[in-house]
């Protein structure tokens, strides 16, 4: 708005003028930025126009900024099973890694959680009714319900994890007795995608970690 005000002042405008607003928005170097710039002026103009009718209300459907989103890769049931099976085979032998990795991926797939939310879980967040998510993306807390079979699969991991006598209260931890890091988990994901034989189809990207949430969303 400050930049637009300077442009309008240079034109000698004393109120919002449609021609100036459109010319200023068109100065954006990237096409998707042009509708965004114009939308900012339009929002301001609506407030100004309500107080003083001299302010123009520029049209909003002038520029077309299309955002190209990557095509999602839907994990089929057999893909997910192969993915988790390879997670149970992660090394080194005798480490906590395979016991941590497989339940983590399974929880992401059946609950649709964001990775950051799953890595922030504590022991006390696991209840018979589901997962208690504390202060998530929008600073809210909520209960994520799950099927009884999901709960039944956790004790095996708990036994392995508690046997390590770790002081950390995070649900998912690394072999170094620290909370799993986002970078480590993402590197493991790409390794498992390759091991499970899920290369990208011609013209499409390989599965992304975010794609684990899509089957849950589609079923829901």
Protein backbone atom coordinates (compact mmCIF):
# COMPACT_ATOMS: atom_id res chain seq x y z
CA UNK A 1 0.00 0.00 0.00
CA UNK A 2 2.86 2.38 0.71
CA UNK A 3 4.28 1.74 -2.75
CA UNK A 4 0.86 2.25 -4.36
CA UNK A 5 0.37 5.50 -2.45
CA UNK A 6 3.67 6.81 -3.80
CA UNK A 7 2.66 5.84 -7.34
CA UNK A 8 -0.75 7.50 -6.97
CA UNK A 9 0.80 10.68 -5.55
CA UNK A 10 3.18 10.84 -8.50
CA UNK A 11 0.12 10.79 -10.79
CA UNK A 12 -1.45 13.63 -8.84
CA UNK A 13 -4.29 11.46 -7.53
CA UNK A 14 -6.04 12.57 -4.37
CA UNK A 15 -8.23 9.46 -4.16
CA UNK A 16 -8.20 5.89 -5.45
CA UNK A 17 -8.39 5.88 -9.26
CA UNK A 18 -9.08 2.66 -11.17
CA UNK A 19 -6.65 3.40 -14.00
CA UNK A 20 -3.79 4.09 -11.58
CA UNK A 21 -4.52 0.99 -9.52
CA UNK A 22 -4.50 -1.25 -12.60
CA UNK A 23 -1.34 0.34 -13.99
CA UNK A 24 0.41 -0.07 -10.64
CA UNK A 25 -0.64 -3.72 -10.30
CA UNK A 26 0.60 -4.41 -13.83
CA UNK A 27 4.11 -3.36 -12.81
CA UNK A 28 4.60 -6.64 -10.95
CA UNK A 29 7.30 -8.71 -12.62
CA UNK A 30 5.57 -12.05 -11.98
CA UNK A 31 2.08 -12.59 -13.35
CA UNK A 32 0.68 -14.23 -10.16
CA UNK A 33 1.65 -11.10 -8.19
CA UNK A 34 -0.56 -8.80 -10.27
CA UNK A 35 -3.97 -9.96 -8.97
CA UNK A 36 -2.56 -9.95 -5.44
CA UNK A 37 -1.39 -6.34 -5.75
CA UNK A 38 -4.72 -5.22 -7.19
CA UNK A 39 -6.65 -7.08 -4.50
CA UNK A 40 -4.78 -5.14 -1.79
CA UNK A 41 -5.82 -1.83 -3.37
CA UNK A 42 -9.42 -2.99 -3.83
CA UNK A 43 -9.74 -3.90 -0.17
CA UNK A 44 -8.50 -0.48 0.86
CA UNK A 45 -10.72 1.24 -1.72
CA UNK A 46 -13.84 -0.44 -0.32
CA UNK A 47 -13.23 1.10 3.08
CA UNK A 48 -12.38 4.51 1.61
CA UNK A 49 -15.40 4.44 -0.74
CA UNK A 50 -17.74 3.79 2.18
CA UNK A 51 -16.64 7.07 3.72
CA UNK A 52 -16.19 9.07 0.51
CA UNK A 53 -17.74 8.12 -2.84
CA UNK A 54 -14.97 9.83 -4.86
CA UNK A 55 -12.78 6.74 -4.36
CA UNK A 56 -13.13 4.31 -7.25
CA UNK A 57 -13.78 0.60 -6.74
CA UNK A 58 -11.41 -1.09 -9.21
CA UNK A 59 -12.63 -4.39 -10.73
CA UNK A 60 -11.07 -7.54 -9.30
CA UNK A 61 -11.21 -9.84 -12.35
CA UNK A 62 -8.57 -8.02 -14.38
CA UNK A 63 -5.47 -10.18 -14.00
CA UNK A 64 -5.26 -13.94 -13.95
CA UNK A 65 -2.59 -15.41 -11.74
CA UNK A 66 -2.74 -19.18 -11.86
CA UNK A 67 -0.77 -21.09 -9.26
CA UNK A 68 0.53 -24.41 -10.52
CA UNK A 69 0.32 -27.02 -7.79
CA UNK A 70 2.17 -30.34 -8.15
CA UNK A 71 -0.08 -33.28 -8.93
CA UNK A 72 -0.42 -35.39 -5.76
CA UNK A 73 0.65 -39.02 -5.74
CA UNK A 74 -1.97 -41.13 -4.00
CA UNK A 75 -0.59 -43.99 -1.96
CA UNK A 76 -2.52 -47.13 -2.81
CA UNK A 77 -3.07 -49.71 -0.11
CA UNK A 78 -0.34 -51.97 -1.52
CA UNK A 79 2.04 -49.00 -1.79
CA UNK A 80 1.54 -48.12 1.86
CA UNK A 81 2.00 -51.71 2.97
CA UNK A 82 5.24 -52.03 1.00
CA UNK A 83 6.43 -48.67 2.35
CA UNK A 84 5.84 -49.64 6.00
CA UNK A 85 7.28 -53.13 5.46
CA UNK A 86 10.56 -51.60 4.31
CA UNK A 87 10.44 -49.27 7.31
CA UNK A 88 10.50 -52.31 9.62
CA UNK A 89 13.71 -53.45 7.91
CA UNK A 90 15.72 -50.31 8.53
CA UNK A 91 19.09 -50.76 10.19
CA UNK A 92 21.32 -50.98 11.98
CA UNK A 93 20.34 -54.32 13.54
CA UNK A 94 19.16 -54.05 17.12
CA UNK A 95 18.50 -50.32 16.88
CA UNK A 96 15.28 -48.51 17.75
CA UNK A 97 15.02 -47.10 14.25
CA UNK A 98 12.75 -49.70 12.58
CA UNK A 99 10.48 -49.82 15.63
CA UNK A 100 10.14 -46.02 15.56
CA UNK A 101 9.86 -45.53 11.81
CA UNK A 102 7.03 -47.95 11.00
CA UNK A 103 4.55 -46.66 13.62
CA UNK A 104 5.39 -43.07 12.70
CA UNK A 105 4.53 -43.58 9.02
CA UNK A 106 1.45 -45.58 9.91
CA UNK A 107 0.17 -42.82 12.21
CA UNK A 108 0.70 -40.18 9.53
CA UNK A 109 -1.22 -42.29 7.00
CA UNK A 110 -4.23 -43.16 9.16
CA UNK A 111 -4.67 -39.79 10.90
CA UNK A 112 -3.62 -37.27 8.22
CA UNK A 113 -1.36 -35.45 10.68
CA UNK A 114 1.30 -33.02 9.61
CA UNK A 115 4.82 -34.29 10.20
CA UNK A 116 5.61 -31.45 12.61
CA UNK A 117 2.54 -32.32 14.71
CA UNK A 118 3.48 -36.02 14.86
CA UNK A 119 7.07 -35.29 15.89
CA UNK A 120 5.85 -32.99 18.68
CA UNK A 121 3.71 -35.72 20.31
CA UNK A 122 4.40 -36.70 23.92
CA UNK A 123 3.55 -39.92 25.71
CA UNK A 124 0.67 -38.29 27.56
CA UNK A 125 -0.86 -37.16 24.26
CA UNK A 126 -1.82 -40.76 23.46
CA UNK A 127 -5.25 -41.63 24.86
CA UNK A 128 -7.71 -44.48 24.23
CA UNK A 129 -9.89 -42.02 22.30
CA UNK A 130 -7.12 -40.70 20.07
CA UNK A 131 -4.26 -38.23 19.96
CA UNK A 132 -4.34 -34.92 21.82
CA UNK A 133 -2.81 -32.27 19.58
CA UNK A 134 -1.51 -29.31 21.58
CA UNK A 135 -1.17 -25.77 20.15
CA UNK A 136 -0.95 -26.81 16.51
CA UNK A 137 -0.88 -24.72 13.32
CA UNK A 138 -3.59 -22.27 14.42
CA UNK A 139 -2.57 -22.28 18.11
CA UNK A 140 -5.48 -24.56 19.00
CA UNK A 141 -5.68 -27.97 20.67
CA UNK A 142 -7.89 -30.78 19.49
CA UNK A 143 -8.48 -34.52 19.70
CA UNK A 144 -7.66 -36.63 16.63
CA UNK A 145 -9.74 -39.83 16.92
CA UNK A 146 -8.47 -43.12 15.57
CA UNK A 147 -9.57 -46.68 15.05
CA UNK A 148 -9.02 -49.21 17.82
CA UNK A 149 -6.61 -51.18 15.60
CA UNK A 150 -4.34 -48.14 15.47
CA UNK A 151 -4.18 -48.02 19.24
CA UNK A 152 -3.59 -51.78 19.44
CA UNK A 153 -0.48 -51.49 17.25
CA UNK A 154 1.30 -49.07 19.58
CA UNK A 155 2.16 -51.22 22.64
CA UNK A 156 4.79 -53.14 20.67
CA UNK A 157 6.62 -49.91 19.98
CA UNK A 158 6.14 -48.68 23.54
CA UNK A 159 7.79 -51.80 24.95
CA UNK A 160 10.85 -51.33 22.75
CA UNK A 161 11.07 -47.64 23.49
CA UNK A 162 10.56 -47.92 27.27
CA UNK A 163 13.20 -50.65 27.44
CA UNK A 164 15.74 -47.97 26.49
CA UNK A 165 14.96 -46.11 29.73
CA UNK A 166 14.91 -42.76 27.96
CA UNK A 167 14.29 -39.57 29.91
CA UNK A 168 12.78 -37.75 26.91
CA UNK A 169 8.98 -37.67 26.91
CA UNK A 170 8.55 -37.41 23.13
CA UNK A 171 6.63 -40.29 21.60
CA UNK A 172 9.01 -40.75 18.68
CA UNK A 173 12.76 -40.61 19.38
CA UNK A 174 15.95 -41.43 17.51
CA UNK A 175 18.65 -43.96 18.29
CA UNK A 176 20.61 -41.09 19.85
CA UNK A 177 17.84 -40.74 22.47
CA UNK A 178 16.69 -37.41 21.06
CA UNK A 179 13.43 -36.35 19.39
CA UNK A 180 13.34 -37.20 15.70
CA UNK A 181 14.35 -34.29 13.49
CA UNK A 182 12.36 -33.17 10.47
CA UNK A 183 15.41 -33.46 8.20
CA UNK A 184 16.16 -37.03 9.26
CA UNK A 185 12.57 -38.15 8.79
CA UNK A 186 12.34 -36.63 5.31
CA UNK A 187 15.59 -38.31 4.23
CA UNK A 188 14.26 -41.65 5.49
CA UNK A 189 11.01 -41.11 3.59
CA UNK A 190 12.77 -40.72 0.24
CA UNK A 191 14.89 -43.78 0.97
CA UNK A 192 11.79 -45.87 1.69
CA UNK A 193 9.98 -44.60 -1.41
CA UNK A 194 12.85 -45.87 -3.54
CA UNK A 195 13.06 -49.17 -1.65
CA UNK A 196 9.31 -49.76 -2.04
CA UNK A 197 9.59 -49.31 -5.81
CA UNK A 198 7.54 -46.15 -6.15
CA UNK A 199 9.33 -44.13 -8.85
CA UNK A 200 7.64 -41.17 -10.47
CA UNK A 201 5.42 -41.86 -13.46
CA UNK A 202 6.43 -40.11 -16.71
CA UNK A 203 5.85 -36.39 -16.29
CA UNK A 204 5.06 -36.66 -12.59
CA UNK A 205 7.11 -36.15 -9.46
CA UNK A 206 8.01 -38.86 -7.03
CA UNK A 207 5.75 -39.13 -3.97
CA UNK A 208 6.28 -36.40 -1.41
CA UNK A 209 5.95 -36.80 2.33
CA UNK A 210 2.82 -34.62 2.19
CA UNK A 211 1.25 -37.24 -0.11
CA UNK A 212 0.87 -39.57 2.86
CA UNK A 213 -2.01 -37.33 3.99
CA UNK A 214 -3.96 -37.51 0.73
CA UNK A 215 -5.38 -41.05 1.06
CA UNK A 216 -6.72 -40.17 4.52
CA UNK A 217 -8.30 -36.96 3.21
CA UNK A 218 -9.84 -38.78 0.23
CA UNK A 219 -11.35 -41.50 2.44
CA UNK A 220 -12.61 -38.97 4.99
